[in-house]
N, C-alpha and C. Protein backbone atom coordinates (compact mmCIF):
# COMPACT_ATOMS: atom_id res chain seq x y z
N UNK A 1 25.06 -112.80 -39.69
CA UNK A 1 26.40 -111.96 -39.99
C UNK A 1 26.25 -110.46 -40.92
N UNK A 2 25.08 -110.86 -41.74
CA UNK A 2 24.68 -110.06 -42.60
C UNK A 2 23.48 -108.69 -41.84
N UNK A 3 23.27 -109.42 -40.74
CA UNK A 3 22.67 -108.16 -39.94
C UNK A 3 23.97 -107.77 -39.46
N UNK A 4 24.89 -107.42 -39.34
CA UNK A 4 25.92 -106.86 -38.77
C UNK A 4 26.39 -106.15 -39.65
N UNK A 5 26.60 -106.70 -40.56
CA UNK A 5 27.22 -105.76 -41.64
C UNK A 5 26.13 -104.81 -41.74
N UNK A 6 24.84 -104.76 -42.28
CA UNK A 6 24.11 -103.48 -42.41
C UNK A 6 23.68 -102.93 -41.82
N UNK A 7 23.95 -102.66 -40.69
CA UNK A 7 23.84 -102.21 -38.98
C UNK A 7 25.11 -101.05 -39.19
N UNK A 8 26.45 -101.80 -39.58
CA UNK A 8 27.73 -101.74 -39.70
C UNK A 8 27.76 -100.14 -40.72
N UNK A 9 27.14 -100.60 -42.38
CA UNK A 9 27.37 -99.38 -43.25
C UNK A 9 26.34 -98.53 -42.74
N UNK A 10 24.83 -98.58 -42.52
CA UNK A 10 23.83 -97.93 -41.42
C UNK A 10 24.69 -96.63 -40.51
N UNK A 11 26.11 -97.40 -39.78
CA UNK A 11 26.52 -96.60 -39.26
C UNK A 11 27.28 -95.10 -39.76
N UNK A 12 28.39 -96.33 -40.38
CA UNK A 12 29.03 -95.08 -41.55
C UNK A 12 28.68 -94.21 -42.19
N UNK A 13 27.33 -94.37 -42.99
CA UNK A 13 26.66 -94.11 -43.66
C UNK A 13 26.09 -92.63 -42.87
N UNK A 14 25.49 -93.07 -41.92
CA UNK A 14 25.29 -91.66 -40.82
C UNK A 14 26.40 -90.89 -40.11
N UNK A 15 27.48 -91.32 -40.20
CA UNK A 15 28.53 -90.88 -39.51
C UNK A 15 28.79 -89.77 -41.04
N UNK A 16 29.30 -90.27 -41.93
CA UNK A 16 29.87 -89.45 -43.28
C UNK A 16 28.84 -88.18 -43.84
N UNK A 17 27.16 -88.74 -43.11
CA UNK A 17 25.84 -87.63 -43.89
C UNK A 17 26.64 -86.26 -42.72
N UNK A 18 26.82 -87.01 -41.44
CA UNK A 18 26.60 -85.55 -40.29
C UNK A 18 28.35 -84.65 -40.53
N UNK A 19 29.00 -85.71 -40.54
CA UNK A 19 30.52 -84.61 -41.32
C UNK A 19 30.49 -83.92 -42.29
N UNK A 20 29.30 -84.53 -43.38
CA UNK A 20 29.34 -82.91 -44.49
C UNK A 20 28.39 -82.22 -43.96
N UNK A 21 27.62 -82.26 -43.43
CA UNK A 21 26.38 -80.97 -43.11
C UNK A 21 27.32 -80.63 -42.01
N UNK A 22 27.84 -80.72 -40.85
CA UNK A 22 28.64 -80.18 -40.27
C UNK A 22 29.84 -79.19 -41.25
N UNK A 23 30.92 -79.80 -42.09
CA UNK A 23 31.50 -79.35 -42.91
C UNK A 23 30.82 -78.05 -43.72
N UNK A 24 29.42 -78.29 -44.10
CA UNK A 24 28.51 -77.02 -44.60
C UNK A 24 27.88 -76.01 -44.04
N UNK A 25 27.82 -76.28 -42.69
CA UNK A 25 27.61 -75.29 -41.48
C UNK A 25 28.75 -74.38 -41.41
N UNK A 26 30.29 -75.24 -41.42
CA UNK A 26 31.24 -74.35 -41.45
C UNK A 26 31.62 -73.91 -41.61
N UNK A 27 31.31 -73.76 -43.23
CA UNK A 27 31.38 -72.57 -44.37
C UNK A 27 30.46 -71.22 -44.37
N UNK A 28 31.62 -70.56 -44.38
CA UNK A 28 30.78 -69.24 -44.07
C UNK A 28 30.16 -68.66 -45.37
N UNK A 29 28.74 -67.51 -44.81
CA UNK A 29 28.46 -66.95 -46.65
C UNK A 29 28.18 -65.52 -46.33
N UNK A 30 27.68 -65.10 -47.13
CA UNK A 30 26.53 -63.99 -46.94
C UNK A 30 25.34 -64.12 -46.84
N UNK A 31 25.01 -62.85 -45.89
CA UNK A 31 23.32 -63.05 -45.58
C UNK A 31 22.95 -61.73 -46.20
N UNK A 32 23.77 -61.37 -46.89
CA UNK A 32 22.94 -59.91 -48.35
C UNK A 32 22.53 -60.80 -49.57
N UNK A 33 21.87 -60.64 -49.93
CA UNK A 33 21.06 -61.42 -51.21
C UNK A 33 21.80 -60.85 -52.49
N UNK A 34 22.04 -59.50 -51.88
CA UNK A 34 22.42 -58.90 -53.36
C UNK A 34 24.19 -58.63 -53.27
N UNK A 35 24.67 -59.41 -52.91
CA UNK A 35 26.15 -59.66 -53.01
C UNK A 35 26.35 -60.14 -53.75
N UNK A 36 27.86 -59.56 -54.64
CA UNK A 36 27.85 -60.31 -56.19
C UNK A 36 28.50 -62.23 -56.04
N UNK A 37 28.24 -61.69 -57.21
CA UNK A 37 28.49 -63.43 -57.50
C UNK A 37 28.02 -64.88 -56.80
N UNK A 38 28.03 -64.77 -55.37
CA UNK A 38 27.47 -66.22 -54.93
C UNK A 38 27.42 -65.82 -53.32
N UNK A 39 26.60 -66.37 -52.86
CA UNK A 39 26.52 -66.25 -51.14
C UNK A 39 27.63 -67.01 -50.57
N UNK A 40 28.93 -67.55 -50.99
CA UNK A 40 29.46 -67.96 -50.52
C UNK A 40 30.71 -67.43 -50.25
N UNK A 41 31.36 -67.71 -49.20
CA UNK A 41 32.29 -66.40 -48.15
C UNK A 41 33.75 -67.63 -48.17
N UNK A 42 34.56 -67.42 -48.32
CA UNK A 42 36.18 -67.52 -47.78
C UNK A 42 36.03 -67.48 -46.48
N UNK A 43 35.85 -66.66 -46.13
CA UNK A 43 36.13 -66.42 -44.68
C UNK A 43 35.13 -65.60 -43.71
N UNK A 44 34.89 -65.41 -42.40
CA UNK A 44 33.82 -64.54 -41.67
C UNK A 44 34.80 -62.98 -41.64
N UNK A 45 36.50 -63.12 -42.06
CA UNK A 45 36.66 -61.70 -42.26
C UNK A 45 36.65 -61.25 -43.41
N UNK A 46 37.07 -59.93 -43.25
CA UNK A 46 37.27 -59.49 -44.66
C UNK A 46 37.88 -59.53 -46.30
N UNK A 47 37.79 -59.81 -47.28
CA UNK A 47 38.71 -60.64 -47.67
C UNK A 47 38.78 -59.37 -49.17
N UNK A 48 39.49 -59.54 -50.49
CA UNK A 48 39.25 -58.31 -51.65
C UNK A 48 37.87 -58.49 -52.00
N UNK A 49 36.82 -59.43 -51.92
CA UNK A 49 36.24 -59.54 -52.54
C UNK A 49 34.54 -58.08 -51.75
N UNK A 50 35.11 -58.75 -50.67
CA UNK A 50 34.89 -57.32 -49.05
C UNK A 50 35.01 -55.92 -50.33
N UNK A 51 36.81 -55.95 -49.87
CA UNK A 51 36.76 -54.58 -50.35
C UNK A 51 36.66 -53.52 -51.47
N UNK A 52 36.17 -54.89 -52.64
CA UNK A 52 35.93 -54.66 -53.87
C UNK A 52 34.34 -54.28 -54.18
N UNK A 53 33.22 -55.03 -53.59
CA UNK A 53 32.36 -54.71 -53.23
C UNK A 53 32.42 -52.67 -52.56
N UNK A 54 32.76 -52.87 -51.30
CA UNK A 54 32.89 -51.41 -50.98
C UNK A 54 33.02 -50.66 -51.88
N UNK A 55 34.73 -50.36 -52.31
CA UNK A 55 34.76 -49.82 -52.95
C UNK A 55 34.24 -49.34 -54.24
N UNK A 56 33.30 -50.42 -55.09
CA UNK A 56 32.18 -50.31 -56.21
C UNK A 56 30.83 -49.03 -55.09
N UNK A 57 30.75 -50.07 -54.17
CA UNK A 57 29.39 -48.87 -53.64
C UNK A 57 29.62 -47.65 -53.25
N UNK A 58 30.97 -47.61 -52.91
CA UNK A 58 31.24 -45.76 -52.64
C UNK A 58 31.30 -45.33 -54.14
N UNK A 59 32.39 -45.94 -54.81
CA UNK A 59 32.29 -44.47 -56.33
C UNK A 59 30.75 -44.54 -56.59
N UNK A 60 30.33 -45.45 -56.60
CA UNK A 60 28.53 -45.40 -57.93
C UNK A 60 28.13 -44.35 -56.70
N UNK A 61 28.73 -44.43 -55.31
CA UNK A 61 27.27 -43.42 -54.53
C UNK A 61 28.07 -41.74 -54.74
N UNK A 62 29.40 -41.96 -54.75
CA UNK A 62 29.91 -40.07 -55.18
C UNK A 62 29.43 -39.63 -56.07
N UNK A 63 29.34 -40.68 -57.07
CA UNK A 63 29.25 -40.06 -58.61
C UNK A 63 27.85 -39.57 -58.83
N UNK A 64 27.29 -40.92 -58.19
CA UNK A 64 25.82 -39.92 -58.28
C UNK A 64 25.18 -38.86 -57.79
N UNK A 65 25.49 -38.63 -55.85
CA UNK A 65 25.03 -37.80 -55.92
C UNK A 65 25.77 -36.31 -56.43
N UNK A 66 27.48 -36.38 -57.35
CA UNK A 66 27.15 -35.01 -58.02
C UNK A 66 28.28 -34.11 -57.67
N UNK A 67 28.74 -34.86 -56.07
CA UNK A 67 30.20 -33.97 -55.44
C UNK A 67 31.48 -33.79 -55.78
N UNK A 68 31.57 -34.83 -57.52
CA UNK A 68 32.55 -34.49 -57.52
C UNK A 68 32.86 -34.00 -59.25
N UNK A 69 31.29 -33.15 -59.25
CA UNK A 69 31.41 -32.13 -61.02
C UNK A 69 31.65 -31.23 -59.75
N UNK A 70 32.88 -30.65 -60.92
CA UNK A 70 33.66 -29.83 -60.50
C UNK A 70 32.88 -28.64 -61.34
N UNK A 71 32.62 -27.34 -61.21
CA UNK A 71 32.12 -26.23 -61.98
C UNK A 71 33.48 -26.05 -63.05
N UNK A 72 33.06 -26.44 -64.58
CA UNK A 72 33.40 -25.65 -65.97
C UNK A 72 34.16 -26.71 -65.88
N UNK A 73 34.31 -28.12 -65.28
CA UNK A 73 34.63 -29.40 -65.68
C UNK A 73 36.44 -29.45 -65.28
N UNK A 74 37.14 -30.49 -65.35
CA UNK A 74 38.40 -30.42 -65.00
C UNK A 74 37.88 -31.62 -63.55
N UNK A 75 39.26 -31.91 -63.06
CA UNK A 75 39.44 -32.89 -62.01
C UNK A 75 39.90 -32.33 -60.86
N UNK A 76 38.66 -32.64 -59.25
CA UNK A 76 39.47 -32.21 -58.11
C UNK A 76 40.77 -33.22 -57.65
N UNK A 77 41.54 -32.73 -56.47
CA UNK A 77 43.25 -33.20 -56.29
C UNK A 77 42.17 -33.74 -54.43
N UNK A 78 42.24 -35.01 -54.61
CA UNK A 78 42.08 -35.54 -52.84
C UNK A 78 43.27 -36.22 -52.18
N UNK A 79 42.74 -35.78 -51.30
CA UNK A 79 44.21 -36.33 -50.11
C UNK A 79 43.42 -37.54 -49.33
N UNK A 80 44.14 -38.33 -48.97
CA UNK A 80 44.05 -39.66 -48.53
C UNK A 80 43.76 -38.79 -46.79
N UNK A 81 42.59 -39.28 -45.70
CA UNK A 81 42.81 -38.73 -44.77
C UNK A 81 42.99 -40.65 -43.59
N UNK A 82 42.73 -40.44 -42.97
CA UNK A 82 42.38 -41.18 -41.46
C UNK A 82 41.29 -42.01 -41.75
N UNK A 83 41.07 -43.91 -42.10
CA UNK A 83 40.80 -44.25 -42.18
C UNK A 83 40.99 -45.24 -40.93
N UNK A 84 40.17 -45.46 -40.09
CA UNK A 84 40.56 -45.91 -38.56
C UNK A 84 39.73 -47.71 -39.04
N UNK A 85 40.33 -48.51 -38.21
CA UNK A 85 40.00 -49.78 -38.05
C UNK A 85 38.83 -50.25 -37.22
N UNK A 86 38.61 -50.62 -36.62
CA UNK A 86 38.18 -50.29 -35.61
C UNK A 86 36.96 -51.64 -35.07
N UNK A 87 37.90 -53.14 -36.04
CA UNK A 87 37.30 -54.46 -36.06
C UNK A 87 38.53 -55.28 -35.09
N UNK A 88 38.35 -56.37 -35.29
CA UNK A 88 38.89 -57.05 -34.10
C UNK A 88 40.39 -57.75 -35.11
N UNK A 89 40.39 -57.60 -36.34
CA UNK A 89 41.46 -58.48 -37.69
C UNK A 89 41.88 -56.86 -37.82
N UNK A 90 43.43 -58.37 -38.53
CA UNK A 90 44.70 -56.70 -39.33
C UNK A 90 44.66 -56.59 -40.45
N UNK A 91 43.72 -55.60 -40.51
CA UNK A 91 43.27 -55.52 -41.96
C UNK A 91 44.65 -53.94 -42.89
N UNK A 92 45.02 -54.85 -43.59
CA UNK A 92 45.90 -53.56 -44.26
C UNK A 92 44.71 -52.66 -45.22
N UNK A 93 44.95 -51.70 -44.74
CA UNK A 93 43.81 -50.90 -44.82
C UNK A 93 43.88 -49.95 -46.35
N UNK A 94 45.21 -50.12 -46.69
CA UNK A 94 45.87 -49.11 -48.44
C UNK A 94 45.07 -50.15 -49.40
N UNK A 95 44.75 -51.20 -48.67
CA UNK A 95 43.95 -52.10 -49.55
C UNK A 95 42.85 -52.12 -50.47
N UNK A 96 41.94 -51.52 -49.34
CA UNK A 96 40.70 -50.67 -49.43
C UNK A 96 40.81 -49.59 -50.03
N UNK A 97 41.64 -48.78 -49.64
CA UNK A 97 41.61 -47.13 -50.67
C UNK A 97 42.48 -47.26 -51.55
N UNK A 98 43.38 -48.43 -52.12
CA UNK A 98 43.77 -48.46 -53.65
C UNK A 98 42.81 -48.76 -54.43
N UNK A 99 41.76 -49.67 -53.85
CA UNK A 99 40.72 -49.77 -54.73
C UNK A 99 39.87 -49.14 -54.88
N UNK A 100 39.67 -48.03 -54.36
CA UNK A 100 38.76 -46.66 -54.45
C UNK A 100 39.53 -45.49 -55.26
N UNK A 101 40.90 -45.61 -54.55
CA UNK A 101 41.96 -44.26 -55.49
C UNK A 101 41.83 -44.82 -57.15
N UNK A 102 41.84 -46.48 -57.39
CA UNK A 102 41.92 -46.93 -58.64
C UNK A 102 40.76 -46.55 -59.86
N UNK A 103 39.76 -46.85 -58.50
CA UNK A 103 38.40 -46.44 -59.29
C UNK A 103 37.96 -44.42 -60.01
N UNK A 104 38.10 -44.32 -58.75
CA UNK A 104 38.10 -42.45 -58.41
C UNK A 104 39.19 -41.98 -59.88
N UNK A 105 40.09 -42.63 -59.97
CA UNK A 105 41.02 -41.88 -61.06
C UNK A 105 40.28 -42.29 -62.70
N UNK A 106 39.91 -43.51 -62.62
CA UNK A 106 39.37 -44.29 -63.85
C UNK A 106 37.89 -43.40 -64.49
N UNK A 107 37.46 -42.66 -63.01
CA UNK A 107 36.15 -42.12 -63.40
C UNK A 107 36.10 -40.57 -64.02
N UNK A 108 38.21 -40.34 -64.12
CA UNK A 108 38.14 -38.62 -64.53
C UNK A 108 37.55 -37.93 -63.89
N UNK A 109 37.45 -38.11 -62.46
CA UNK A 109 37.03 -36.96 -61.57
C UNK A 109 37.89 -36.38 -60.77
N UNK A 110 38.68 -37.50 -60.39
CA UNK A 110 39.84 -37.06 -59.02
C UNK A 110 40.97 -37.38 -59.37
N UNK A 111 42.03 -36.69 -59.41
CA UNK A 111 43.39 -36.78 -59.06
C UNK A 111 44.07 -36.93 -57.52
N UNK A 112 44.93 -38.00 -56.86
CA UNK A 112 44.84 -38.45 -55.75
C UNK A 112 46.10 -37.83 -55.93
N UNK A 113 46.84 -36.49 -54.98
CA UNK A 113 47.70 -36.43 -54.48
C UNK A 113 48.22 -37.46 -52.94
N UNK A 114 49.96 -37.81 -53.09
CA UNK A 114 50.63 -38.78 -52.66
C UNK A 114 51.65 -38.08 -51.82
N UNK A 115 51.38 -36.24 -51.89
CA UNK A 115 52.38 -35.76 -51.49
C UNK A 115 51.63 -35.43 -49.75
N UNK A 116 50.40 -35.41 -49.78
CA UNK A 116 49.82 -34.66 -48.56
C UNK A 116 48.94 -35.93 -48.24
N UNK A 117 48.86 -36.70 -47.01
CA UNK A 117 48.55 -37.41 -46.41
C UNK A 117 48.26 -37.27 -44.79
N UNK A 118 46.70 -38.04 -44.31
CA UNK A 118 47.55 -37.90 -42.85
C UNK A 118 48.29 -38.63 -42.14
N UNK A 119 49.13 -38.49 -41.51
CA UNK A 119 50.46 -39.39 -40.77
C UNK A 119 51.74 -39.19 -41.87
N UNK A 120 51.22 -37.77 -42.73
CA UNK A 120 52.37 -37.79 -43.56
C UNK A 120 52.54 -38.09 -44.92
N UNK A 121 53.71 -37.66 -45.91
CA UNK A 121 53.30 -38.25 -47.32
C UNK A 121 53.15 -39.49 -47.47
N UNK A 122 52.58 -39.97 -48.66
CA UNK A 122 52.59 -41.48 -48.96
C UNK A 122 53.87 -41.16 -50.01
N UNK A 123 53.99 -40.79 -50.28
CA UNK A 123 55.63 -40.91 -51.53
C UNK A 123 56.18 -39.34 -50.79
N UNK A 124 57.10 -39.87 -50.37
CA UNK A 124 58.30 -38.07 -49.78
C UNK A 124 58.80 -38.28 -50.76
N UNK A 125 59.38 -38.90 -52.12
CA UNK A 125 60.08 -38.30 -52.69
C UNK A 125 60.07 -37.36 -53.12
N UNK A 126 58.67 -36.70 -53.68
CA UNK A 126 58.37 -35.38 -54.03
C UNK A 126 58.81 -33.87 -53.01
N UNK A 127 59.53 -34.69 -51.91
CA UNK A 127 59.70 -33.23 -50.68
C UNK A 127 61.93 -33.71 -51.17
N UNK A 128 61.89 -34.75 -50.94
CA UNK A 128 63.30 -35.24 -51.34
C UNK A 128 63.75 -34.84 -52.84
N UNK A 129 63.05 -34.82 -53.78
CA UNK A 129 63.10 -34.46 -55.30
C UNK A 129 63.61 -32.79 -54.56
N UNK A 130 63.19 -31.64 -53.96
CA UNK A 130 63.52 -30.64 -53.73
C UNK A 130 64.63 -30.46 -52.94
N UNK A 131 65.22 -31.30 -52.52
CA UNK A 131 66.59 -31.19 -51.37
C UNK A 131 67.63 -30.52 -53.21
N UNK A 132 67.60 -31.13 -54.25
CA UNK A 132 68.14 -31.01 -55.23
C UNK A 132 68.76 -29.51 -55.84
N UNK A 133 68.06 -28.70 -55.59
CA UNK A 133 68.27 -27.10 -55.42
C UNK A 133 69.07 -26.78 -54.60
N UNK A 134 70.07 -27.10 -54.63
CA UNK A 134 70.87 -26.71 -53.59
C UNK A 134 72.60 -27.88 -54.56
N UNK A 135 72.14 -29.11 -54.88
CA UNK A 135 73.32 -29.40 -55.72
C UNK A 135 73.71 -28.85 -57.12
N UNK A 136 74.62 -28.46 -57.04
CA UNK A 136 75.68 -28.51 -58.75
C UNK A 136 75.97 -29.49 -59.36
N UNK A 137 74.83 -30.89 -58.77
CA UNK A 137 75.48 -31.68 -60.13
C UNK A 137 73.81 -32.04 -60.83
N UNK A 138 73.27 -30.74 -60.66
CA UNK A 138 71.89 -31.44 -61.35
C UNK A 138 72.14 -30.30 -61.76
N UNK A 139 70.81 -30.35 -63.15
CA UNK A 139 70.46 -29.02 -63.99
C UNK A 139 69.36 -28.06 -63.31
N UNK A 140 69.61 -26.96 -62.18
CA UNK A 140 68.82 -26.57 -61.91
C UNK A 140 67.14 -26.57 -62.70
N UNK A 141 67.00 -26.71 -63.85
CA UNK A 141 65.77 -26.45 -64.73
C UNK A 141 65.58 -27.31 -64.62
N UNK A 142 65.39 -28.94 -64.55
CA UNK A 142 64.56 -29.59 -64.44
C UNK A 142 64.35 -30.28 -62.64
N UNK A 143 65.43 -29.17 -61.86
CA UNK A 143 64.32 -29.35 -60.72
C UNK A 143 63.45 -28.92 -60.49
N UNK A 144 62.09 -29.99 -59.04
CA UNK A 144 61.10 -29.02 -58.80
C UNK A 144 61.34 -27.52 -57.94
N UNK A 145 60.03 -26.88 -58.23
CA UNK A 145 60.67 -25.30 -57.69
C UNK A 145 59.77 -24.95 -56.91
N UNK A 146 59.66 -23.89 -55.95
CA UNK A 146 59.04 -23.72 -55.44
C UNK A 146 57.15 -23.32 -55.65
N UNK A 147 56.55 -23.69 -55.05
CA UNK A 147 54.84 -23.37 -55.30
C UNK A 147 54.22 -24.11 -56.98
N UNK A 148 54.78 -25.18 -56.64
CA UNK A 148 54.24 -25.87 -57.97
C UNK A 148 53.97 -27.17 -57.63
N UNK A 149 53.79 -27.70 -55.90
CA UNK A 149 52.58 -28.30 -56.42
C UNK A 149 51.33 -28.17 -56.13
N UNK A 150 50.33 -28.60 -55.98
CA UNK A 150 48.89 -28.69 -55.78
C UNK A 150 48.63 -29.10 -54.90
N UNK A 151 47.45 -27.68 -54.15
CA UNK A 151 46.92 -28.54 -52.53
C UNK A 151 45.67 -29.62 -52.78
N UNK A 152 45.58 -30.20 -51.80
CA UNK A 152 44.19 -31.00 -51.96
C UNK A 152 42.62 -30.28 -52.19
N UNK A 153 41.72 -30.42 -52.96
CA UNK A 153 40.54 -30.00 -52.26
C UNK A 153 39.49 -30.33 -51.17
N UNK A 154 39.57 -31.93 -51.59
CA UNK A 154 39.23 -33.08 -50.40
C UNK A 154 39.73 -34.19 -49.91
N UNK A 155 39.27 -34.46 -48.81
CA UNK A 155 40.38 -35.72 -48.61
C UNK A 155 38.83 -36.95 -47.96
N UNK A 156 39.58 -37.63 -47.94
CA UNK A 156 38.85 -39.13 -47.39
C UNK A 156 39.27 -39.93 -46.62
N UNK A 157 37.73 -39.83 -45.48
CA UNK A 157 38.05 -40.52 -44.66
C UNK A 157 37.41 -41.60 -43.76
N UNK A 158 37.62 -42.08 -43.19
CA UNK A 158 36.20 -42.53 -42.76
C UNK A 158 36.56 -44.65 -42.04
N UNK A 159 35.96 -45.38 -41.45
CA UNK A 159 35.89 -46.14 -40.38
C UNK A 159 35.52 -47.91 -40.98
N UNK A 160 36.16 -48.24 -39.96
CA UNK A 160 35.34 -50.04 -40.18
C UNK A 160 35.22 -50.32 -39.10
N UNK A 161 33.41 -50.71 -38.86
CA UNK A 161 32.68 -51.10 -37.49
C UNK A 161 32.78 -52.18 -37.68
N UNK A 162 33.06 -53.31 -36.80
CA UNK A 162 32.85 -54.70 -36.22
C UNK A 162 31.58 -54.75 -35.39
N UNK A 163 30.77 -55.87 -36.00
CA UNK A 163 29.48 -56.17 -34.82
C UNK A 163 29.31 -57.68 -34.73
N UNK A 164 29.16 -58.16 -33.40
CA UNK A 164 29.36 -59.75 -33.35
C UNK A 164 27.69 -59.94 -33.18
N UNK A 165 27.40 -61.47 -33.44
CA UNK A 165 26.21 -61.84 -32.61
C UNK A 165 26.11 -63.48 -32.69
N UNK A 166 25.16 -64.00 -32.13
CA UNK A 166 25.39 -65.74 -32.20
C UNK A 166 23.72 -65.66 -32.67
N UNK A 167 23.64 -66.29 -33.92
CA UNK A 167 22.57 -66.58 -34.57
C UNK A 167 21.88 -67.75 -33.09
N UNK A 168 20.41 -68.04 -33.43
CA UNK A 168 19.41 -69.57 -32.90
C UNK A 168 20.41 -70.72 -33.55
N UNK A 169 21.20 -71.20 -34.36
CA UNK A 169 21.46 -71.82 -34.58
C UNK A 169 23.19 -72.16 -34.07
N UNK A 170 23.67 -71.13 -33.57
CA UNK A 170 24.75 -71.54 -33.19
C UNK A 170 25.94 -70.83 -33.67
N UNK A 171 25.93 -69.98 -35.11
CA UNK A 171 26.62 -69.94 -36.40
C UNK A 171 26.94 -68.58 -35.34
N UNK A 172 28.33 -68.00 -35.50
CA UNK A 172 28.35 -66.44 -35.81
C UNK A 172 28.08 -65.62 -37.29
N UNK A 173 27.52 -64.83 -36.65
CA UNK A 173 26.96 -63.41 -37.63
C UNK A 173 28.07 -62.36 -37.48
N UNK A 174 28.70 -61.99 -38.20
CA UNK A 174 28.87 -60.80 -38.55
C UNK A 174 28.79 -59.74 -39.20
N UNK A 175 28.80 -58.55 -38.38
CA UNK A 175 28.04 -57.41 -39.51
C UNK A 175 29.30 -56.44 -39.55
N UNK A 176 29.86 -56.20 -41.18
CA UNK A 176 30.98 -55.05 -41.03
C UNK A 176 30.63 -53.76 -41.84
N UNK A 177 30.32 -52.55 -41.50
CA UNK A 177 30.36 -51.24 -41.47
C UNK A 177 31.07 -50.43 -42.56
N UNK A 178 31.36 -50.24 -43.40
CA UNK A 178 32.70 -49.33 -43.92
C UNK A 178 32.10 -48.48 -44.18
N UNK A 179 32.26 -47.40 -43.51
CA UNK A 179 32.21 -45.77 -43.96
C UNK A 179 33.28 -44.87 -44.02
N UNK A 180 33.01 -44.32 -44.94
CA UNK A 180 33.50 -43.63 -45.59
C UNK A 180 33.32 -41.54 -45.46
N UNK A 181 33.84 -40.96 -45.98
CA UNK A 181 33.74 -39.08 -46.05
C UNK A 181 34.65 -38.85 -46.73
N UNK A 182 33.51 -37.63 -47.50
CA UNK A 182 34.09 -36.95 -48.80
C UNK A 182 34.13 -35.37 -48.05
N UNK A 183 35.31 -34.86 -47.64
CA UNK A 183 35.38 -33.73 -46.81
C UNK A 183 35.43 -32.12 -47.69
N UNK A 184 35.14 -31.26 -47.87
CA UNK A 184 36.08 -30.36 -48.28
C UNK A 184 36.76 -29.74 -47.73
N UNK A 185 38.21 -29.55 -48.59
CA UNK A 185 39.46 -29.15 -47.39
C UNK A 185 39.13 -27.48 -46.93
N UNK A 186 38.89 -26.76 -47.71
CA UNK A 186 38.18 -25.16 -47.28
C UNK A 186 37.98 -25.17 -46.47
N UNK A 187 36.33 -26.05 -46.71
CA UNK A 187 35.33 -25.45 -45.25
C UNK A 187 34.85 -26.64 -44.58
N UNK A 188 35.87 -27.80 -44.74
CA UNK A 188 35.92 -28.34 -43.27
C UNK A 188 33.86 -28.73 -43.77
N UNK A 189 33.00 -29.03 -44.11
CA UNK A 189 32.18 -29.56 -44.78
C UNK A 189 31.90 -31.05 -45.55
N UNK A 190 31.37 -32.08 -45.24
CA UNK A 190 31.31 -32.93 -45.77
C UNK A 190 30.56 -33.23 -46.57
N UNK A 191 31.01 -33.35 -48.09
CA UNK A 191 29.71 -32.91 -49.24
C UNK A 191 29.79 -34.47 -49.72
N UNK A 192 30.07 -35.59 -49.56
CA UNK A 192 29.91 -36.49 -49.84
C UNK A 192 29.59 -37.86 -47.72
N UNK A 193 28.81 -38.60 -47.70
CA UNK A 193 28.88 -39.71 -46.25
C UNK A 193 28.25 -40.64 -47.62
N UNK A 194 29.39 -42.21 -47.42
CA UNK A 194 28.41 -43.32 -47.87
C UNK A 194 29.05 -44.99 -46.67
N UNK A 195 27.90 -45.80 -46.71
CA UNK A 195 28.22 -46.70 -45.84
C UNK A 195 27.67 -48.16 -46.83
N UNK A 196 28.65 -49.08 -46.80
CA UNK A 196 28.65 -50.25 -47.19
C UNK A 196 28.46 -51.57 -46.11
N UNK A 197 27.51 -52.05 -45.91
CA UNK A 197 27.21 -53.13 -44.85
C UNK A 197 27.47 -54.32 -45.32
N UNK A 198 28.46 -55.44 -45.10
CA UNK A 198 28.62 -57.00 -45.33
C UNK A 198 27.97 -57.21 -44.74
N UNK A 199 27.51 -58.18 -44.16
CA UNK A 199 27.27 -59.24 -43.30
C UNK A 199 27.31 -60.80 -43.37
N UNK A 200 27.92 -61.46 -42.80
CA UNK A 200 28.34 -63.06 -43.07
C UNK A 200 28.25 -63.72 -42.01
N UNK A 201 27.57 -65.02 -42.10
CA UNK A 201 27.40 -65.89 -41.39
C UNK A 201 27.97 -67.41 -41.42
N UNK A 202 28.55 -67.62 -40.26
CA UNK A 202 29.28 -69.18 -40.66
C UNK A 202 29.84 -69.87 -38.66
N UNK A 203 30.70 -70.56 -39.16
CA UNK A 203 31.56 -71.34 -37.55
C UNK A 203 32.17 -70.25 -36.90
N UNK A 204 32.15 -70.08 -36.27
CA UNK A 204 33.48 -68.47 -35.62
C UNK A 204 35.02 -69.53 -35.64
N UNK A 205 35.06 -70.87 -36.25
CA UNK A 205 35.95 -71.43 -36.44
C UNK A 205 37.19 -71.07 -37.74
N UNK A 206 36.54 -70.36 -38.84
CA UNK A 206 36.74 -69.60 -40.35
C UNK A 206 37.19 -68.90 -39.85
N UNK A 207 36.94 -67.68 -38.90
CA UNK A 207 37.78 -66.36 -38.56
C UNK A 207 39.05 -66.08 -38.68
N UNK A 208 39.40 -65.75 -39.36
CA UNK A 208 41.19 -65.37 -39.33
C UNK A 208 41.20 -63.66 -38.62
N UNK A 209 41.16 -63.86 -37.00
CA UNK A 209 41.52 -62.17 -36.39
C UNK A 209 42.75 -62.44 -36.58
């Protein structure tokens, strides 16, 4: 009877250990040792922490390149162009763009226009408010006049690429390439380009596609 109890405890112990190890293997992790905070990830997909890292890398690279150093001082005007999502996920691209915009504005090098953007103005109020020019209900001295909008100097475009592979352990490895380009609108020349690579590995069950 004692032998049976011992065997039963051993079986339960092995089962619990197996379940624990399985759970650990399913926890996604970063394969980049330089990734901030921890190598633990919440998901194999892209999340806020990844966007924060990508925006931080991009801003540091832009500022170090000197591309945003305007001769004579002052700020450049930046318009947001198309950022393509070439992944299997539904990504809120505005979340990534917003992180970059905030950092650029805080750098004192750039002002972002919301009146010009690929696909149409981000904030249409700049145009709608100008319809008040023909209204007798508004003081025309307070209405925006022609020739007051500022055209952008640069545009920011990019692409997010996903590449999947299966490791020898059976885990899924996912590489994300977040690529950005800063283009001089007048000349069409790219003054800066940057790429942030984020690599994760874990069970495919943890992916929120």
